[in-house]
Amino acid sequence: MSRQIKLIWDFRGDAASKTAEHHELHLKEYIIHEKLPLHITGFEIKNEMHAIAFMVVTDEFMIPIRDALKPHRGELYH
């Protein structure tokens, strides 16, 4: 079984939560457009000035998606 990696985009400032929520829509669109077998996306509000959008990928998709979408960071997903 391949690892799952959470690719993360950070958003900061007054509009961070709305921006992260909107960015998740683009991540879902990308998955559909590229016909990827990925199903986990989301956004989380960390505090009033920081929110994230994320996509969970497997090892085989990590490098091409990282290069195409340029996430700010990644971590193992469990």
C-alpha atoms as a PDB file:
ATOM      1  CA  MET A   1       0.000   0.000   0.000  1.00  0.00           C
ATOM      2  CA  SER A   2       1.455   3.369  -0.958  1.00  0.00           C
ATOM      3  CA  ARG A   3       1.737   6.249   1.463  1.00  0.00           C
ATOM      4  CA  GLN A   4      -0.816   9.023   1.531  1.00  0.00           C
ATOM      5  CA  ILE A   5       0.600  12.537   1.514  1.00  0.00           C
ATOM      6  CA  LYS A   6      -1.355  15.644   2.444  1.00  0.00           C
ATOM      7  CA  LEU A   7      -0.343  18.538   0.171  1.00  0.00           C
ATOM      8  CA  ILE A   8      -1.100  21.832   1.910  1.00  0.00           C
ATOM      9  CA  TRP A   9      -1.666  25.399   0.754  1.00  0.00           C
ATOM     10  CA  ASP A  10      -1.501  28.039   3.518  1.00  0.00           C
ATOM     11  CA  PHE A  11      -3.568  31.216   3.451  1.00  0.00           C
ATOM     12  CA  ARG A  12      -3.151  34.062   5.918  1.00  0.00           C
ATOM     13  CA  GLY A  13      -4.952  37.294   6.633  1.00  0.00           C
ATOM     14  CA  ASP A  14      -8.518  38.452   7.118  1.00  0.00           C
ATOM     15  CA  ALA A  15      -9.810  36.498   4.106  1.00  0.00           C
ATOM     16  CA  ALA A  16      -7.836  33.310   4.804  1.00  0.00           C
ATOM     17  CA  SER A  17     -10.858  31.098   5.515  1.00  0.00           C
ATOM     18  CA  LYS A  18     -12.778  32.170   2.402  1.00  0.00           C
ATOM     19  CA  THR A  19      -9.669  31.869   0.252  1.00  0.00           C
ATOM     20  CA  ALA A  20      -8.907  28.351   1.523  1.00  0.00           C
ATOM     21  CA  GLU A  21     -12.520  27.289   0.979  1.00  0.00           C
ATOM     22  CA  HIS A  22     -12.415  28.640  -2.574  1.00  0.00           C
ATOM     23  CA  HIS A  23      -9.032  27.037  -3.264  1.00  0.00           C
ATOM     24  CA  GLU A  24     -10.484  23.632  -2.358  1.00  0.00           C
ATOM     25  CA  LEU A  25     -12.981  24.061  -5.220  1.00  0.00           C
ATOM     26  CA  HIS A  26     -10.078  24.498  -7.623  1.00  0.00           C
ATOM     27  CA  LEU A  27      -8.383  21.387  -6.228  1.00  0.00           C
ATOM     28  CA  LYS A  28     -11.568  19.373  -6.870  1.00  0.00           C
ATOM     29  CA  GLU A  29     -11.778  20.806 -10.397  1.00  0.00           C
ATOM     30  CA  TYR A  30      -8.169  19.789 -11.032  1.00  0.00           C
ATOM     31  CA  ILE A  31      -8.876  16.216  -9.905  1.00  0.00           C
ATOM     32  CA  ILE A  32     -11.858  15.988 -12.272  1.00  0.00           C
ATOM     33  CA  HIS A  33     -10.055  17.641 -15.187  1.00  0.00           C
ATOM     34  CA  GLU A  34      -7.022  15.371 -14.856  1.00  0.00           C
ATOM     35  CA  LYS A  35      -9.202  12.274 -14.195  1.00  0.00           C
ATOM     36  CA  LEU A  36      -7.241  11.434 -11.049  1.00  0.00           C
ATOM     37  CA  PRO A  37      -8.324   8.645  -8.682  1.00  0.00           C
ATOM     38  CA  LEU A  38      -8.099  10.976  -5.685  1.00  0.00           C
ATOM     39  CA  HIS A  39     -10.966  11.683  -3.332  1.00  0.00           C
ATOM     40  CA  ILE A  40      -9.748  13.556  -0.257  1.00  0.00           C
ATOM     41  CA  THR A  41      -9.658  17.349  -0.284  1.00  0.00           C
ATOM     42  CA  GLY A  42     -10.640  19.900   2.297  1.00  0.00           C
ATOM     43  CA  PHE A  43      -9.987  23.114   4.080  1.00  0.00           C
ATOM     44  CA  GLU A  44      -9.371  23.851   7.744  1.00  0.00           C
ATOM     45  CA  ILE A  45      -9.522  27.086   9.656  1.00  0.00           C
ATOM     46  CA  LYS A  46      -6.528  27.141  11.997  1.00  0.00           C
ATOM     47  CA  ASN A  47      -7.359  30.522  13.555  1.00  0.00           C
ATOM     48  CA  GLU A  48      -8.928  33.814  12.460  1.00  0.00           C
ATOM     49  CA  MET A  49      -5.845  34.719  10.396  1.00  0.00           C
ATOM     50  CA  HIS A  50      -4.700  31.316   9.079  1.00  0.00           C
ATOM     51  CA  ALA A  51      -6.477  28.635   7.056  1.00  0.00           C
ATOM     52  CA  ILE A  52      -5.346  25.810   4.810  1.00  0.00           C
ATOM     53  CA  ALA A  53      -6.632  23.956   1.776  1.00  0.00           C
ATOM     54  CA  PHE A  54      -5.382  20.436   1.184  1.00  0.00           C
ATOM     55  CA  MET A  55      -5.404  17.466  -1.157  1.00  0.00           C
ATOM     56  CA  VAL A  56      -4.374  13.943  -0.182  1.00  0.00           C
ATOM     57  CA  VAL A  57      -2.341  12.130  -2.840  1.00  0.00           C
ATOM     58  CA  THR A  58      -0.452   8.857  -3.050  1.00  0.00           C
ATOM     59  CA  ASP A  59       3.284   8.531  -3.752  1.00  0.00           C
ATOM     60  CA  GLU A  60       2.753   7.950  -7.468  1.00  0.00           C
ATOM     61  CA  PHE A  61       0.909  11.275  -7.914  1.00  0.00           C
ATOM     62  CA  MET A  62       2.853  13.400  -5.443  1.00  0.00           C
ATOM     63  CA  ILE A  63       5.654  14.707  -7.678  1.00  0.00           C
ATOM     64  CA  PRO A  64       3.554  15.570 -10.767  1.00  0.00           C
ATOM     65  CA  ILE A  65       0.878  17.277  -8.650  1.00  0.00           C
ATOM     66  CA  ARG A  66       3.494  19.052  -6.535  1.00  0.00           C
ATOM     67  CA  ASP A  67       5.180  20.378  -9.670  1.00  0.00           C
ATOM     68  CA  ALA A  68       1.893  21.433 -11.290  1.00  0.00           C
ATOM     69  CA  LEU A  69       0.123  22.992  -8.289  1.00  0.00           C
ATOM     70  CA  LYS A  70       3.041  24.094  -6.078  1.00  0.00           C
ATOM     71  CA  PRO A  71       1.716  23.434  -2.570  1.00  0.00           C
ATOM     72  CA  HIS A  72       3.418  25.261   0.268  1.00  0.00           C
ATOM     73  CA  ARG A  73       4.165  22.084   2.204  1.00  0.00           C
ATOM     74  CA  GLY A  74       3.243  18.459   2.697  1.00  0.00           C
ATOM     75  CA  GLU A  75       2.980  15.893   5.466  1.00  0.00           C
ATOM     76  CA  LEU A  76       2.131  12.240   5.831  1.00  0.00           C
ATOM     77  CA  TYR A  77      -1.613  11.681   6.082  1.00  0.00           C
ATOM     78  CA  HIS A  78      -3.065   9.085   8.406  1.00  0.00           C
END
